[in-house]
PDB file of N, CA and C in Angstrom:
ATOM      1  N   MET A   1    -158.141 -82.420 213.417  1.00  0.00           N
ATOM      2  CA  MET A   1    -159.064 -81.312 213.586  1.00  0.00           C
ATOM      3  C   MET A   1    -158.964 -80.391 212.379  1.00  0.00           C
ATOM      4  N   PRO A   2    -160.107 -80.046 211.742  1.00  0.00           N
ATOM      5  CA  PRO A   2    -160.074 -79.150 210.602  1.00  0.00           C
ATOM      6  C   PRO A   2    -159.623 -77.747 211.012  1.00  0.00           C
ATOM      7  N   PRO A   3    -159.105 -76.970 210.058  1.00  0.00           N
ATOM      8  CA  PRO A   3    -158.591 -75.651 210.389  1.00  0.00           C
ATOM      9  C   PRO A   3    -159.640 -74.682 210.914  1.00  0.00           C
ATOM     10  N   LEU A   4    -160.847 -74.763 210.440  1.00  0.00           N
ATOM     11  CA  LEU A   4    -161.936 -73.912 210.907  1.00  0.00           C
ATOM     12  C   LEU A   4    -163.185 -74.754 211.103  1.00  0.00           C
ATOM     13  N   PRO A   5    -164.061 -74.345 212.020  1.00  0.00           N
ATOM     14  CA  PRO A   5    -165.329 -75.062 212.153  1.00  0.00           C
ATOM     15  C   PRO A   5    -166.104 -75.010 210.839  1.00  0.00           C
ATOM     16  N   GLY A   6    -166.790 -76.065 210.535  1.00  0.00           N
ATOM     17  CA  GLY A   6    -167.602 -76.116 209.329  1.00  0.00           C
ATOM     18  C   GLY A   6    -166.969 -76.852 208.176  1.00  0.00           C
ATOM     19  N   ALA A   7    -165.738 -77.328 208.336  1.00  0.00           N
ATOM     20  CA  ALA A   7    -165.079 -78.043 207.240  1.00  0.00           C
ATOM     21  C   ALA A   7    -165.886 -79.264 206.828  1.00  0.00           C
ATOM     22  N   GLU A   8    -166.519 -79.902 207.797  1.00  0.00           N
ATOM     23  CA  GLU A   8    -167.295 -81.110 207.503  1.00  0.00           C
ATOM     24  C   GLU A   8    -168.548 -80.804 206.683  1.00  0.00           C
ATOM     25  N   LEU A   9    -168.944 -79.528 206.623  1.00  0.00           N
ATOM     26  CA  LEU A   9    -170.139 -79.138 205.869  1.00  0.00           C
ATOM     27  C   LEU A   9    -169.832 -78.791 204.414  1.00  0.00           C
ATOM     28  N   VAL A  10    -168.564 -78.697 204.068  1.00  0.00           N
ATOM     29  CA  VAL A  10    -168.181 -78.329 202.699  1.00  0.00           C
ATOM     30  C   VAL A  10    -168.513 -79.486 201.760  1.00  0.00           C
ATOM     31  N   GLN A  11    -169.406 -79.213 200.817  1.00  0.00           N
ATOM     32  CA  GLN A  11    -169.865 -80.240 199.869  1.00  0.00           C
ATOM     33  C   GLN A  11    -169.642 -79.844 198.414  1.00  0.00           C
ATOM     34  N   THR A  12    -169.614 -78.549 198.143  1.00  0.00           N
ATOM     35  CA  THR A  12    -169.526 -78.081 196.758  1.00  0.00           C
ATOM     36  C   THR A  12    -168.264 -77.244 196.557  1.00  0.00           C
ATOM     37  N   PRO A  13    -167.850 -77.092 195.308  1.00  0.00           N
ATOM     38  CA  PRO A  13    -166.682 -76.253 195.041  1.00  0.00           C
ATOM     39  C   PRO A  13    -166.845 -74.806 195.533  1.00  0.00           C
ATOM     40  N   VAL A  14    -168.025 -74.241 195.413  1.00  0.00           N
ATOM     41  CA  VAL A  14    -168.248 -72.866 195.883  1.00  0.00           C
ATOM     42  C   VAL A  14    -168.093 -72.791 197.398  1.00  0.00           C
ATOM     43  N   GLN A  15    -168.621 -73.780 198.122  1.00  0.00           N
ATOM     44  CA  GLN A  15    -168.452 -73.816 199.574  1.00  0.00           C
ATOM     45  C   GLN A  15    -166.978 -73.956 199.936  1.00  0.00           C
ATOM     46  N   LEU A  16    -166.270 -74.781 199.185  1.00  0.00           N
ATOM     47  CA  LEU A  16    -164.841 -74.954 199.425  1.00  0.00           C
ATOM     48  C   LEU A  16    -164.097 -73.641 199.204  1.00  0.00           C
ATOM     49  N   TYR A  17    -164.401 -72.960 198.133  1.00  0.00           N
ATOM     50  CA  TYR A  17    -163.755 -71.697 197.810  1.00  0.00           C
ATOM     51  C   TYR A  17    -163.920 -70.699 198.959  1.00  0.00           C
ATOM     52  N   ARG A  18    -165.142 -70.547 199.430  1.00  0.00           N
ATOM     53  CA  ARG A  18    -165.410 -69.615 200.525  1.00  0.00           C
ATOM     54  C   ARG A  18    -164.708 -70.055 201.802  1.00  0.00           C
ATOM     55  N   TYR A  19    -164.726 -71.339 202.064  1.00  0.00           N
ATOM     56  CA  TYR A  19    -164.066 -71.884 203.253  1.00  0.00           C
ATOM     57  C   TYR A  19    -162.564 -71.598 203.222  1.00  0.00           C
ATOM     58  N   LEU A  20    -161.936 -71.841 202.073  1.00  0.00           N
ATOM     59  CA  LEU A  20    -160.491 -71.631 201.966  1.00  0.00           C
ATOM     60  C   LEU A  20    -160.131 -70.153 202.091  1.00  0.00           C
ATOM     61  N   LEU A  21    -160.959 -69.267 201.570  1.00  0.00           N
ATOM     62  CA  LEU A  21    -160.695 -67.842 201.741  1.00  0.00           C
ATOM     63  C   LEU A  21    -160.814 -67.434 203.206  1.00  0.00           C
ATOM     64  N   ARG A  22    -161.746 -68.051 203.932  1.00  0.00           N
ATOM     65  CA  ARG A  22    -161.830 -67.782 205.383  1.00  0.00           C
ATOM     66  C   ARG A  22    -160.591 -68.310 206.095  1.00  0.00           C
ATOM     67  N   CYS A  23    -160.079 -69.445 205.645  1.00  0.00           N
ATOM     68  CA  CYS A  23    -158.843 -69.980 206.238  1.00  0.00           C
ATOM     69  C   CYS A  23    -157.684 -69.019 206.019  1.00  0.00           C
ATOM     70  N   CYS A  24    -157.632 -68.395 204.852  1.00  0.00           N
ATOM     71  CA  CYS A  24    -156.555 -67.444 204.563  1.00  0.00           C
ATOM     72  C   CYS A  24    -156.538 -66.294 205.560  1.00  0.00           C
ATOM     73  N   LYS A  25    -157.708 -65.909 206.039  1.00  0.00           N
ATOM     74  CA  LYS A  25    -157.783 -64.819 207.019  1.00  0.00           C
ATOM     75  C   LYS A  25    -157.130 -65.186 208.342  1.00  0.00           C
ATOM     76  N   GLN A  26    -156.918 -66.481 208.585  1.00  0.00           N
ATOM     77  CA  GLN A  26    -156.300 -66.941 209.826  1.00  0.00           C
ATOM     78  C   GLN A  26    -154.770 -66.829 209.782  1.00  0.00           C
ATOM     79  N   LEU A  27    -154.222 -66.590 208.604  1.00  0.00           N
ATOM     80  CA  LEU A  27    -152.767 -66.497 208.460  1.00  0.00           C
ATOM     81  C   LEU A  27    -152.274 -65.175 209.028  1.00  0.00           C
ATOM     82  N   PRO A  28    -151.051 -65.158 209.571  1.00  0.00           N
ATOM     83  CA  PRO A  28    -150.595 -64.010 210.355  1.00  0.00           C
ATOM     84  C   PRO A  28    -150.280 -62.732 209.572  1.00  0.00           C
ATOM     85  N   ALA A  29    -149.731 -62.828 208.385  1.00  0.00           N
ATOM     86  CA  ALA A  29    -149.284 -61.634 207.670  1.00  0.00           C
ATOM     87  C   ALA A  29    -150.086 -61.437 206.389  1.00  0.00           C
ATOM     88  N   LYS A  30    -150.296 -60.174 206.031  1.00  0.00           N
ATOM     89  CA  LYS A  30    -151.080 -59.855 204.835  1.00  0.00           C
ATOM     90  C   LYS A  30    -150.464 -60.448 203.568  1.00  0.00           C
ATOM     91  N   ASN A  31    -149.137 -60.404 203.464  1.00  0.00           N
ATOM     92  CA  ASN A  31    -148.513 -60.935 202.251  1.00  0.00           C
ATOM     93  C   ASN A  31    -148.705 -62.450 202.139  1.00  0.00           C
ATOM     94  N   ILE A  32    -148.698 -63.143 203.259  1.00  0.00           N
ATOM     95  CA  ILE A  32    -148.954 -64.590 203.253  1.00  0.00           C
ATOM     96  C   ILE A  32    -150.413 -64.852 202.896  1.00  0.00           C
ATOM     97  N   GLN A  33    -151.311 -64.058 203.458  1.00  0.00           N
ATOM     98  CA  GLN A  33    -152.728 -64.198 203.131  1.00  0.00           C
ATOM     99  C   GLN A  33    -152.949 -64.015 201.627  1.00  0.00           C
ATOM    100  N   GLN A  34    -152.337 -62.977 201.059  1.00  0.00           N
ATOM    101  CA  GLN A  34    -152.499 -62.707 199.632  1.00  0.00           C
ATOM    102  C   GLN A  34    -151.934 -63.845 198.778  1.00  0.00           C
ATOM    103  N   HIS A  35    -150.801 -64.386 199.207  1.00  0.00           N
ATOM    104  CA  HIS A  35    -150.197 -65.503 198.480  1.00  0.00           C
ATOM    105  C   HIS A  35    -151.162 -66.694 198.404  1.00  0.00           C
ATOM    106  N   TYR A  36    -151.724 -67.078 199.538  1.00  0.00           N
ATOM    107  CA  TYR A  36    -152.615 -68.239 199.556  1.00  0.00           C
ATOM    108  C   TYR A  36    -153.953 -67.948 198.889  1.00  0.00           C
ATOM    109  N   LYS A  37    -154.456 -66.725 198.994  1.00  0.00           N
ATOM    110  CA  LYS A  37    -155.682 -66.374 198.278  1.00  0.00           C
ATOM    111  C   LYS A  37    -155.467 -66.513 196.771  1.00  0.00           C
ATOM    112  N   HIS A  38    -154.320 -66.055 196.309  1.00  0.00           N
ATOM    113  CA  HIS A  38    -153.990 -66.184 194.889  1.00  0.00           C
ATOM    114  C   HIS A  38    -153.923 -67.667 194.494  1.00  0.00           C
ATOM    115  N   ALA A  39    -153.292 -68.481 195.350  1.00  0.00           N
ATOM    116  CA  ALA A  39    -153.185 -69.916 195.074  1.00  0.00           C
ATOM    117  C   ALA A  39    -154.567 -70.572 195.017  1.00  0.00           C
ATOM    118  N   VAL A  40    -155.450 -70.177 195.919  1.00  0.00           N
ATOM    119  CA  VAL A  40    -156.818 -70.715 195.920  1.00  0.00           C
ATOM    120  C   VAL A  40    -157.502 -70.373 194.600  1.00  0.00           C
ATOM    121  N   ARG A  41    -157.417 -69.112 194.187  1.00  0.00           N
ATOM    122  CA  ARG A  41    -158.055 -68.693 192.932  1.00  0.00           C
ATOM    123  C   ARG A  41    -157.491 -69.458 191.729  1.00  0.00           C
ATOM    124  N   GLN A  42    -156.175 -69.597 191.698  1.00  0.00           N
ATOM    125  CA  GLN A  42    -155.536 -70.305 190.593  1.00  0.00           C
ATOM    126  C   GLN A  42    -155.983 -71.760 190.527  1.00  0.00           C
ATOM    127  N   ASN A  43    -156.044 -72.408 191.675  1.00  0.00           N
ATOM    128  CA  ASN A  43    -156.473 -73.814 191.698  1.00  0.00           C
ATOM    129  C   ASN A  43    -157.923 -73.972 191.261  1.00  0.00           C
ATOM    130  N   PHE A  44    -158.762 -73.006 191.595  1.00  0.00           N
ATOM    131  CA  PHE A  44    -160.144 -73.092 191.138  1.00  0.00           C
ATOM    132  C   PHE A  44    -160.222 -72.923 189.636  1.00  0.00           C
ATOM    133  N   LYS A  45    -159.392 -72.073 189.076  1.00  0.00           N
ATOM    134  CA  LYS A  45    -159.377 -71.914 187.619  1.00  0.00           C
ATOM    135  C   LYS A  45    -158.899 -73.197 186.947  1.00  0.00           C
ATOM    136  N   VAL A  46    -157.889 -73.829 187.518  1.00  0.00           N
ATOM    137  CA  VAL A  46    -157.337 -75.066 186.946  1.00  0.00           C
ATOM    138  C   VAL A  46    -158.377 -76.183 186.944  1.00  0.00           C
ATOM    139  N   HIS A  47    -159.177 -76.256 188.006  1.00  0.00           N
ATOM    140  CA  HIS A  47    -160.140 -77.354 188.153  1.00  0.00           C
ATOM    141  C   HIS A  47    -161.568 -76.962 187.767  1.00  0.00           C
ATOM    142  N   ALA A  48    -161.749 -75.816 187.122  1.00  0.00           N
ATOM    143  CA  ALA A  48    -163.091 -75.311 186.810  1.00  0.00           C
ATOM    144  C   ALA A  48    -163.896 -76.256 185.924  1.00  0.00           C
ATOM    145  N   ASP A  49    -163.228 -77.005 185.056  1.00  0.00           N
ATOM    146  CA  ASP A  49    -163.962 -77.880 184.140  1.00  0.00           C
ATOM    147  C   ASP A  49    -164.147 -79.299 184.678  1.00  0.00           C
ATOM    148  N   GLU A  50    -163.756 -79.529 185.909  1.00  0.00           N
ATOM    149  CA  GLU A  50    -163.909 -80.862 186.519  1.00  0.00           C
ATOM    150  C   GLU A  50    -165.395 -81.162 186.702  1.00  0.00           C
ATOM    151  N   ASP A  51    -165.844 -82.321 186.198  1.00  0.00           N
ATOM    152  CA  ASP A  51    -167.256 -82.663 186.319  1.00  0.00           C
ATOM    153  C   ASP A  51    -167.501 -84.037 186.941  1.00  0.00           C
ATOM    154  N   ASP A  52    -166.449 -84.743 187.269  1.00  0.00           N
ATOM    155  CA  ASP A  52    -166.582 -86.056 187.914  1.00  0.00           C
ATOM    156  C   ASP A  52    -166.827 -85.852 189.413  1.00  0.00           C
ATOM    157  N   PRO A  53    -168.019 -86.240 189.903  1.00  0.00           N
ATOM    158  CA  PRO A  53    -168.355 -86.014 191.319  1.00  0.00           C
ATOM    159  C   PRO A  53    -167.353 -86.652 192.291  1.00  0.00           C
ATOM    160  N   GLU A  54    -166.834 -87.807 191.943  1.00  0.00           N
ATOM    161  CA  GLU A  54    -165.869 -88.479 192.825  1.00  0.00           C
ATOM    162  C   GLU A  54    -164.563 -87.694 192.889  1.00  0.00           C
ATOM    163  N   ARG A  55    -164.120 -87.210 191.754  1.00  0.00           N
ATOM    164  CA  ARG A  55    -162.890 -86.405 191.696  1.00  0.00           C
ATOM    165  C   ARG A  55    -163.078 -85.091 192.456  1.00  0.00           C
ATOM    166  N   ILE A  56    -164.249 -84.487 192.350  1.00  0.00           N
ATOM    167  CA  ILE A  56    -164.543 -83.246 193.078  1.00  0.00           C
ATOM    168  C   ILE A  56    -164.460 -83.500 194.580  1.00  0.00           C
ATOM    169  N   LYS A  57    -165.008 -84.623 195.041  1.00  0.00           N
ATOM    170  CA  LYS A  57    -164.918 -84.976 196.464  1.00  0.00           C
ATOM    171  C   LYS A  57    -163.469 -85.131 196.901  1.00  0.00           C
ATOM    172  N   GLN A  58    -162.652 -85.757 196.058  1.00  0.00           N
ATOM    173  CA  GLN A  58    -161.230 -85.925 196.373  1.00  0.00           C
ATOM    174  C   GLN A  58    -160.532 -84.573 196.473  1.00  0.00           C
ATOM    175  N   ILE A  59    -160.830 -83.689 195.545  1.00  0.00           N
ATOM    176  CA  ILE A  59    -160.210 -82.358 195.551  1.00  0.00           C
ATOM    177  C   ILE A  59    -160.609 -81.601 196.807  1.00  0.00           C
ATOM    178  N   ILE A  60    -161.882 -81.649 197.175  1.00  0.00           N
ATOM    179  CA  ILE A  60    -162.363 -80.961 198.374  1.00  0.00           C
ATOM    180  C   ILE A  60    -161.665 -81.512 199.608  1.00  0.00           C
ATOM    181  N   LYS A  61    -161.603 -82.837 199.716  1.00  0.00           N
ATOM    182  CA  LYS A  61    -160.963 -83.466 200.873  1.00  0.00           C
ATOM    183  C   LYS A  61    -159.499 -83.053 200.976  1.00  0.00           C
ATOM    184  N   ARG A  62    -158.796 -83.101 199.860  1.00  0.00           N
ATOM    185  CA  ARG A  62    -157.369 -82.758 199.851  1.00  0.00           C
ATOM    186  C   ARG A  62    -157.142 -81.281 200.176  1.00  0.00           C
ATOM    187  N   ALA A  63    -157.985 -80.407 199.657  1.00  0.00           N
ATOM    188  CA  ALA A  63    -157.843 -78.975 199.909  1.00  0.00           C
ATOM    189  C   ALA A  63    -158.035 -78.657 201.390  1.00  0.00           C
ATOM    190  N   ILE A  64    -159.004 -79.314 202.027  1.00  0.00           N
ATOM    191  CA  ILE A  64    -159.229 -79.095 203.455  1.00  0.00           C
ATOM    192  C   ILE A  64    -158.048 -79.633 204.265  1.00  0.00           C
ATOM    193  N   GLU A  65    -157.534 -80.793 203.885  1.00  0.00           N
ATOM    194  CA  GLU A  65    -156.357 -81.351 204.565  1.00  0.00           C
ATOM    195  C   GLU A  65    -155.152 -80.426 204.417  1.00  0.00           C
ATOM    196  N   ASP A  66    -154.955 -79.881 203.223  1.00  0.00           N
ATOM    197  CA  ASP A  66    -153.832 -78.969 202.992  1.00  0.00           C
ATOM    198  C   ASP A  66    -153.975 -77.695 203.819  1.00  0.00           C
ATOM    199  N   ALA A  67    -155.196 -77.155 203.881  1.00  0.00           N
ATOM    200  CA  ALA A  67    -155.429 -75.955 204.681  1.00  0.00           C
ATOM    201  C   ALA A  67    -155.148 -76.244 206.150  1.00  0.00           C
ATOM    202  N   ASP A  68    -155.557 -77.404 206.617  1.00  0.00           N
ATOM    203  CA  ASP A  68    -155.304 -77.805 208.000  1.00  0.00           C
ATOM    204  C   ASP A  68    -153.801 -77.882 208.262  1.00  0.00           C
ATOM    205  N   TRP A  69    -153.070 -78.472 207.335  1.00  0.00           N
ATOM    206  CA  TRP A  69    -151.625 -78.614 207.495  1.00  0.00           C
ATOM    207  C   TRP A  69    -150.938 -77.251 207.556  1.00  0.00           C
ATOM    208  N   ILE A  70    -151.319 -76.359 206.648  1.00  0.00           N
ATOM    209  CA  ILE A  70    -150.711 -75.023 206.616  1.00  0.00           C
ATOM    210  C   ILE A  70    -151.007 -74.266 207.904  1.00  0.00           C
ATOM    211  N   LEU A  71    -152.267 -74.266 208.327  1.00  0.00           N
ATOM    212  CA  LEU A  71    -152.624 -73.525 209.538  1.00  0.00           C
ATOM    213  C   LEU A  71    -152.002 -74.136 210.783  1.00  0.00           C
ATOM    214  N   SER A  72    -151.851 -75.465 210.829  1.00  0.00           N
ATOM    215  CA  SER A  72    -151.208 -76.078 211.999  1.00  0.00           C
ATOM    216  C   SER A  72    -149.728 -75.716 212.038  1.00  0.00           C
ATOM    217  N   LYS A  73    -149.072 -75.639 210.882  1.00  0.00           N
ATOM    218  CA  LYS A  73    -147.667 -75.217 210.834  1.00  0.00           C
ATOM    219  C   LYS A  73    -147.518 -73.778 211.317  1.00  0.00           C
ATOM    220  N   VAL A  74    -148.435 -72.922 210.922  1.00  0.00           N
ATOM    221  CA  VAL A  74    -148.397 -71.522 211.355  1.00  0.00           C
ATOM    222  C   VAL A  74    -148.579 -71.444 212.869  1.00  0.00           C
ATOM    223  N   ARG A  75    -149.511 -72.227 213.407  1.00  0.00           N
ATOM    224  CA  ARG A  75    -149.746 -72.228 214.854  1.00  0.00           C
ATOM    225  C   ARG A  75    -148.510 -72.697 215.616  1.00  0.00           C
ATOM    226  N   VAL A  76    -147.874 -73.753 215.139  1.00  0.00           N
ATOM    227  CA  VAL A  76    -146.676 -74.265 215.792  1.00  0.00           C
ATOM    228  C   VAL A  76    -145.573 -73.229 215.751  1.00  0.00           C
ATOM    229  N   HIS A  77    -145.400 -72.593 214.611  1.00  0.00           N
ATOM    230  CA  HIS A  77    -144.364 -71.568 214.465  1.00  0.00           C
ATOM    231  C   HIS A  77    -144.632 -70.394 215.419  1.00  0.00           C
ATOM    232  N   GLN A  78    -145.897 -69.992 215.533  1.00  0.00           N
ATOM    233  CA  GLN A  78    -146.246 -68.897 216.431  1.00  0.00           C
ATOM    234  C   GLN A  78    -145.997 -69.274 217.894  1.00  0.00           C
ATOM    235  N   GLU A  79    -146.299 -70.513 218.260  1.00  0.00           N
ATOM    236  CA  GLU A  79    -146.069 -70.974 219.628  1.00  0.00           C
ATOM    237  C   GLU A  79    -144.575 -71.001 219.945  1.00  0.00           C
ATOM    238  N   LEU A  80    -143.762 -71.413 218.986  1.00  0.00           N
ATOM    239  CA  LEU A  80    -142.323 -71.449 219.205  1.00  0.00           C
ATOM    240  C   LEU A  80    -141.751 -70.044 219.312  1.00  0.00           C
ATOM    241  N   ALA A  81    -142.355 -69.097 218.606  1.00  0.00           N
ATOM    242  CA  ALA A  81    -141.882 -67.712 218.651  1.00  0.00           C
ATOM    243  C   ALA A  81    -142.206 -67.042 219.979  1.00  0.00           C
ATOM    244  N   ASN A  82    -143.213 -67.537 220.651  1.00  0.00           N
ATOM    245  CA  ASN A  82    -143.612 -66.932 221.939  1.00  0.00           C
ATOM    246  C   ASN A  82    -142.849 -67.506 223.047  1.00  0.00           C
TER     247      ASN A  82
END
């Protein structure tokens, strides 16, 4: 299950960027949110010159999977804390 509804609609880097920033809002603490927002921005700068459509699809797929993994870990941790 993707971290937020609409993951299956992400097709472009700009859509991915916005999606990942929305995922950051799901994180519990402001400092954690800021950390991941910074990481998202940095990764977009690193991959800004990518022009291979297949590679872009791979990056989008991996980024959504990573966001799902992070948010599922946070959910599990929160459930254990309760």
